[in-house]
């Protein structure tokens, strides 16, 4: 299921504490497809539907996803990066089957 790196967990916990939102969950979802594969999204969520959502706990964080997205999020990893291109949360899923060819992306990856 969805894994959270130690760095991402620490950054998210800090963010939730700063915003006084310790009781919310992190919603992870499939936002769509591109020539580079599956595109993911994240948001903070305080309304969870037991009928439609799957809830997992990882590193002290509550992560929620739509049950329909669960298979597409298997093996996904949430990380926090801080480098020359900027900083923020990223979702990587090696089993998403994405990838680019020069013909599908107009000469380069997204």
Protein backbone atom coordinates (compact mmCIF):
# COMPACT_ATOMS: atom_id res chain seq x y z
CA UNK A 1 0.00 0.00 0.00
CA UNK A 2 1.13 3.63 0.25
CA UNK A 3 4.44 4.15 2.03
CA UNK A 4 5.65 7.42 3.55
CA UNK A 5 9.36 8.11 3.90
CA UNK A 6 10.69 9.31 7.25
CA UNK A 7 11.50 12.73 5.75
CA UNK A 8 8.00 13.14 4.28
CA UNK A 9 6.37 12.04 7.54
CA UNK A 10 8.40 14.56 9.55
CA UNK A 11 7.63 17.41 7.11
CA UNK A 12 3.93 16.56 7.01
CA UNK A 13 3.63 16.29 10.79
CA UNK A 14 5.37 19.65 11.13
CA UNK A 15 3.04 21.22 8.55
CA UNK A 16 -0.06 19.81 10.27
CA UNK A 17 1.16 21.07 13.65
CA UNK A 18 1.88 24.57 12.28
CA UNK A 19 -1.64 24.74 10.84
CA UNK A 20 -3.22 23.16 13.93
CA UNK A 21 -4.66 20.33 11.80
CA UNK A 22 -3.39 17.26 13.64
CA UNK A 23 -6.76 15.50 13.28
CA UNK A 24 -6.93 15.52 9.48
CA UNK A 25 -5.88 12.80 7.09
CA UNK A 26 -3.72 12.98 4.00
CA UNK A 27 -5.83 12.08 0.97
CA UNK A 28 -3.86 10.54 -1.89
CA UNK A 29 -5.56 10.18 -5.25
CA UNK A 30 -5.03 9.44 -8.91
CA UNK A 31 -5.42 12.77 -10.69
CA UNK A 32 -5.21 11.44 -14.25
CA UNK A 33 -2.92 10.12 -16.93
CA UNK A 34 -0.32 11.76 -19.11
CA UNK A 35 2.18 10.51 -21.61
CA UNK A 36 4.53 10.12 -18.65
CA UNK A 37 2.18 7.84 -16.74
CA UNK A 38 -0.14 8.20 -13.81
CA UNK A 39 -0.42 11.65 -12.21
CA UNK A 40 -1.10 11.75 -8.45
CA UNK A 41 -2.48 14.34 -6.09
CA UNK A 42 -2.62 14.95 -2.35
CA UNK A 43 -4.82 17.04 -0.12
CA UNK A 44 -5.70 17.35 3.54
CA UNK A 45 -9.02 15.72 4.34
CA UNK A 46 -11.31 15.89 7.35
CA UNK A 47 -14.31 14.16 5.77
CA UNK A 48 -13.86 10.44 5.20
CA UNK A 49 -16.49 8.12 3.77
CA UNK A 50 -16.29 4.64 5.26
CA UNK A 51 -18.26 3.36 2.25
CA UNK A 52 -15.92 4.76 -0.40
CA UNK A 53 -12.57 5.34 1.32
CA UNK A 54 -9.75 3.13 2.51
CA UNK A 55 -7.79 4.35 5.54
CA UNK A 56 -4.22 3.27 6.30
CA UNK A 57 -1.82 4.40 9.02
CA UNK A 58 1.85 4.88 8.21
CA UNK A 59 4.47 6.48 10.45
CA UNK A 60 1.81 8.01 12.67
CA UNK A 61 -0.09 9.56 9.75
CA UNK A 62 -3.60 8.74 8.62
CA UNK A 63 -3.68 8.25 4.86
CA UNK A 64 -6.99 7.99 3.04
CA UNK A 65 -7.74 7.05 -0.55
CA UNK A 66 -10.80 6.19 -2.57
CA UNK A 67 -11.23 2.41 -2.69
CA UNK A 68 -11.34 2.63 -6.49
CA UNK A 69 -7.81 4.14 -6.48
CA UNK A 70 -6.30 1.57 -4.08
CA UNK A 71 -4.92 -0.75 -6.79
CA UNK A 72 -3.42 2.16 -8.72
CA UNK A 73 -1.70 3.40 -5.56
CA UNK A 74 -0.19 0.06 -4.57
CA UNK A 75 3.58 0.41 -4.12
CA UNK A 76 3.32 4.22 -4.13
CA UNK A 77 5.83 6.10 -2.00
CA UNK A 78 5.35 9.63 -0.69
CA UNK A 79 8.61 11.50 -0.24
CA UNK A 80 9.72 15.05 0.48
CA UNK A 81 12.42 16.49 -1.75
CA UNK A 82 14.49 19.62 -1.30
CA UNK A 83 16.84 20.26 -4.20
CA UNK A 84 17.84 22.66 -6.96
CA UNK A 85 14.44 22.29 -8.65
CA UNK A 86 12.55 23.20 -5.50
CA UNK A 87 11.06 21.45 -2.52
CA UNK A 88 7.82 19.65 -1.85
CA UNK A 89 6.04 16.36 -1.58
CA UNK A 90 6.23 13.85 -4.43
CA UNK A 91 4.57 10.53 -5.09
CA UNK A 92 6.56 7.85 -6.88
CA UNK A 93 5.08 4.56 -7.97
CA UNK A 94 7.41 2.21 -9.83
CA UNK A 95 4.51 -0.12 -10.65
CA UNK A 96 2.41 2.57 -12.38
CA UNK A 97 3.67 1.51 -15.79
CA UNK A 98 4.38 5.06 -16.96
CA UNK A 99 7.17 6.19 -19.15
CA UNK A 100 7.82 8.41 -22.11
CA UNK A 101 8.92 7.94 -25.60
CA UNK A 102 9.93 10.82 -27.78
CA UNK A 103 6.88 10.28 -29.99
CA UNK A 104 4.35 10.27 -27.15
CA UNK A 105 5.60 13.41 -25.44
CA UNK A 106 6.68 15.48 -28.37
CA UNK A 107 10.38 14.89 -27.82
CA UNK A 108 10.79 14.79 -24.08
CA UNK A 109 9.31 13.73 -20.81
CA UNK A 110 6.96 15.90 -18.83
